[in-house]
Protein backbone atom coordinates (compact mmCIF):
# COMPACT_ATOMS: atom_id res chain seq x y z
CA UNK A 1 -174.54 -8.36 -4.72
CA UNK A 2 -171.74 -9.40 -2.37
CA UNK A 3 -169.21 -7.23 -4.25
CA UNK A 4 -171.52 -4.25 -3.95
CA UNK A 5 -171.87 -4.85 -0.18
CA UNK A 6 -168.07 -5.17 0.18
CA UNK A 7 -167.50 -2.06 -1.84
CA UNK A 8 -169.84 -0.04 0.32
CA UNK A 9 -168.32 -1.38 3.59
CA UNK A 10 -164.87 -0.45 2.32
CA UNK A 11 -165.96 3.12 1.55
CA UNK A 12 -167.61 3.42 5.03
CA UNK A 13 -164.51 2.22 6.74
CA UNK A 14 -162.30 4.63 4.76
CA UNK A 15 -164.62 7.52 5.70
CA UNK A 16 -164.64 6.56 9.42
CA UNK A 17 -160.82 6.38 9.38
CA UNK A 18 -160.59 9.80 7.69
CA UNK A 19 -162.98 11.36 10.31
CA UNK A 20 -160.88 9.86 13.14
CA UNK A 21 -157.76 11.32 11.58
CA UNK A 22 -159.36 14.78 11.27
CA UNK A 23 -160.21 14.80 14.98
CA UNK A 24 -156.69 14.35 16.13
CA UNK A 25 -156.89 10.84 17.39
CA UNK A 26 -153.50 9.96 15.98
CA UNK A 27 -150.34 11.27 17.62
CA UNK A 28 -148.28 13.97 16.00
CA UNK A 29 -145.43 12.67 13.89
CA UNK A 30 -141.83 13.56 14.50
CA UNK A 31 -140.17 15.81 11.89
CA UNK A 32 -138.89 13.67 9.00
CA UNK A 33 -135.26 12.61 8.74
CA UNK A 34 -133.05 12.26 5.64
CA UNK A 35 -134.37 9.44 3.57
CA UNK A 36 -133.62 7.60 0.35
CA UNK A 37 -137.20 7.81 -0.77
CA UNK A 38 -138.99 10.52 -2.68
CA UNK A 39 -141.27 12.54 -0.47
CA UNK A 40 -143.65 15.36 -1.40
CA UNK A 41 -142.47 17.70 1.31
CA UNK A 42 -139.41 19.69 2.14
CA UNK A 43 -137.04 17.97 4.52
CA UNK A 44 -134.95 20.09 6.89
CA UNK A 45 -131.24 19.28 6.81
CA UNK A 46 -130.75 17.04 9.87
CA UNK A 47 -128.62 18.38 12.71
CA UNK A 48 -125.15 16.84 12.94
CA UNK A 49 -124.15 15.27 16.22
CA UNK A 50 -120.45 14.34 15.91
CA UNK A 51 -117.27 14.16 17.83
CA UNK A 52 -114.49 16.64 16.94
CA UNK A 53 -111.29 14.80 15.89
CA UNK A 54 -108.91 17.46 17.27
CA UNK A 55 -110.52 18.01 20.73
CA UNK A 56 -112.34 14.73 21.06
CA UNK A 57 -115.41 16.73 22.31
CA UNK A 58 -118.97 16.16 21.17
CA UNK A 59 -120.09 18.81 18.60
CA UNK A 60 -123.64 19.67 17.43
CA UNK A 61 -123.81 21.42 14.07
CA UNK A 62 -126.72 22.72 12.11
CA UNK A 63 -126.95 23.98 8.54
CA UNK A 64 -126.18 27.70 8.55
CA UNK A 65 -128.73 29.92 6.81
CA UNK A 66 -127.06 31.50 3.80
CA UNK A 67 -124.48 28.66 3.44
CA UNK A 68 -124.48 25.35 1.69
CA UNK A 69 -123.63 22.62 4.09
CA UNK A 70 -121.98 19.66 2.34
CA UNK A 71 -121.46 16.54 4.57
CA UNK A 72 -119.23 13.87 3.19
CA UNK A 73 -119.38 10.45 4.88
CA UNK A 74 -116.08 8.56 4.50
CA UNK A 75 -113.93 5.99 6.30
CA UNK A 76 -110.18 5.46 6.39
CA UNK A 77 -110.53 1.79 5.42
CA UNK A 78 -112.90 2.50 2.59
CA UNK A 79 -110.97 2.14 -0.80
CA UNK A 80 -113.34 4.38 -2.87
CA UNK A 81 -113.07 6.96 -0.07
CA UNK A 82 -109.28 6.90 -0.38
CA UNK A 83 -109.51 7.27 -4.22
CA UNK A 84 -111.81 10.21 -4.14
CA UNK A 85 -110.71 12.24 -1.16
CA UNK A 86 -108.33 14.36 -3.28
CA UNK A 87 -111.26 15.24 -5.58
CA UNK A 88 -113.27 16.46 -2.56
CA UNK A 89 -110.39 18.66 -1.38
CA UNK A 90 -109.95 20.22 -4.81
CA UNK A 91 -113.73 20.89 -4.94
CA UNK A 92 -113.60 22.43 -1.58
CA UNK A 93 -110.67 24.71 -2.59
CA UNK A 94 -112.61 25.75 -5.72
CA UNK A 95 -115.73 26.72 -3.65
CA UNK A 96 -114.21 27.92 -0.35
CA UNK A 97 -115.31 31.51 -1.01
CA UNK A 98 -118.81 30.62 -2.29
CA UNK A 99 -120.81 30.31 1.03
CA UNK A 100 -120.04 26.57 1.22
CA UNK A 101 -119.06 24.49 4.26
CA UNK A 102 -117.58 21.03 3.57
CA UNK A 103 -117.44 18.62 6.50
CA UNK A 104 -116.03 15.14 6.48
CA UNK A 105 -117.67 12.66 8.80
CA UNK A 106 -115.85 9.40 9.49
CA UNK A 107 -118.47 6.64 9.74
CA UNK A 108 -117.66 3.24 11.33
CA UNK A 109 -114.06 4.25 11.90
CA UNK A 110 -111.71 4.20 14.96
CA UNK A 111 -110.59 7.60 16.25
CA UNK A 112 -106.85 6.79 15.63
CA UNK A 113 -107.48 5.71 11.97
CA UNK A 114 -109.70 8.73 11.27
CA UNK A 115 -107.17 11.10 12.82
CA UNK A 116 -104.29 9.64 10.71
CA UNK A 117 -106.37 9.71 7.53
CA UNK A 118 -107.42 13.31 8.16
CA UNK A 119 -103.78 14.44 8.79
CA UNK A 120 -102.61 12.62 5.63
CA UNK A 121 -105.06 14.57 3.47
CA UNK A 122 -104.92 17.79 5.50
CA UNK A 123 -108.62 17.88 6.43
CA UNK A 124 -108.39 17.52 10.20
CA UNK A 125 -109.80 20.97 10.95
CA UNK A 126 -113.13 20.05 9.36
CA UNK A 127 -113.28 16.30 10.10
CA UNK A 128 -115.45 14.66 12.66
CA UNK A 129 -115.97 11.17 14.01
CA UNK A 130 -119.60 10.07 13.32
CA UNK A 131 -121.85 9.11 16.23
CA UNK A 132 -124.65 6.67 16.37
CA UNK A 133 -127.06 9.59 16.21
CA UNK A 134 -125.73 11.02 12.93
CA UNK A 135 -125.54 7.55 11.36
CA UNK A 136 -129.17 6.94 12.36
CA UNK A 137 -130.32 10.31 11.17
CA UNK A 138 -128.76 9.74 7.73
CA UNK A 139 -129.87 6.06 7.68
CA UNK A 140 -126.43 4.40 7.73
CA UNK A 141 -125.15 5.93 4.50
CA UNK A 142 -123.11 3.89 2.06
CA UNK A 143 -119.53 5.10 1.73
CA UNK A 144 -118.58 7.50 0.37
CA UNK A 145 -121.83 9.52 0.43
CA UNK A 146 -122.65 13.19 0.13
CA UNK A 147 -125.55 15.09 1.62
CA UNK A 148 -125.88 18.79 0.99
CA UNK A 149 -128.26 21.49 2.13
CA UNK A 150 -129.35 24.48 0.11
CA UNK A 151 -128.75 28.02 1.51
CA UNK A 152 -132.06 27.86 3.33
CA UNK A 153 -131.39 24.77 5.42
CA UNK A 154 -133.29 22.23 3.41
CA UNK A 155 -131.90 18.82 2.24
CA UNK A 156 -131.25 19.48 -1.43
CA UNK A 157 -128.72 16.92 -2.60
CA UNK A 158 -127.96 13.30 -1.79
CA UNK A 159 -125.60 10.91 -3.45
CA UNK A 160 -124.58 7.48 -2.22
CA UNK A 161 -121.54 5.49 -3.37
CA UNK A 162 -119.95 8.56 -4.86
CA UNK A 163 -117.50 7.93 -7.70
CA UNK A 164 -115.03 10.26 -9.44
CA UNK A 165 -117.58 10.82 -12.16
CA UNK A 166 -120.07 12.16 -9.61
CA UNK A 167 -117.79 15.06 -8.55
CA UNK A 168 -118.83 17.10 -11.57
CA UNK A 169 -122.49 16.77 -10.60
CA UNK A 170 -121.67 17.95 -7.06
CA UNK A 171 -119.65 20.82 -8.47
CA UNK A 172 -122.60 21.85 -10.54
CA UNK A 173 -124.89 21.67 -7.57
CA UNK A 174 -122.60 23.93 -5.49
CA UNK A 175 -122.15 26.39 -8.34
CA UNK A 176 -125.92 26.70 -8.91
CA UNK A 177 -126.87 27.01 -5.30
CA UNK A 178 -124.08 29.39 -4.32
CA UNK A 179 -124.66 31.75 -7.29
CA UNK A 180 -127.81 33.50 -6.15
């Protein structure tokens, strides 16, 4: 008898909560950010608030409609980043005419070290120093990490701790999404 009573009270409680939610008693939620969890909704590619390495000015970038935006989080002190940067530049050269923007964001790095690293690998014109905002929006990505949008501005690809063997997967993603 007690179980039956408990079951009925649970159902009543759930229905009251559902009615309260339907009448707008809960505040509107902020738009979702990039996340490591599966969700059942489309996630807009987050805006990118960074600092330009050349001019040292703050820059706000958004995913361009019709272009794939690939954001690579790296750091000059990160050994895997140093080992894989040449693969990223080769991939960028291969896809530069295929509606693809590749941006390098230095996370947890000093400006001087980021500039020296970018000059050494000739990526200074598309390299940025990460801000607290971008690192928060992308949930403090492990290095090196890649996030990419599709041509419609949605988050479509995410890979943490990228290794040389993952470059082929990113290449396939760019090829598929830039071919239509």
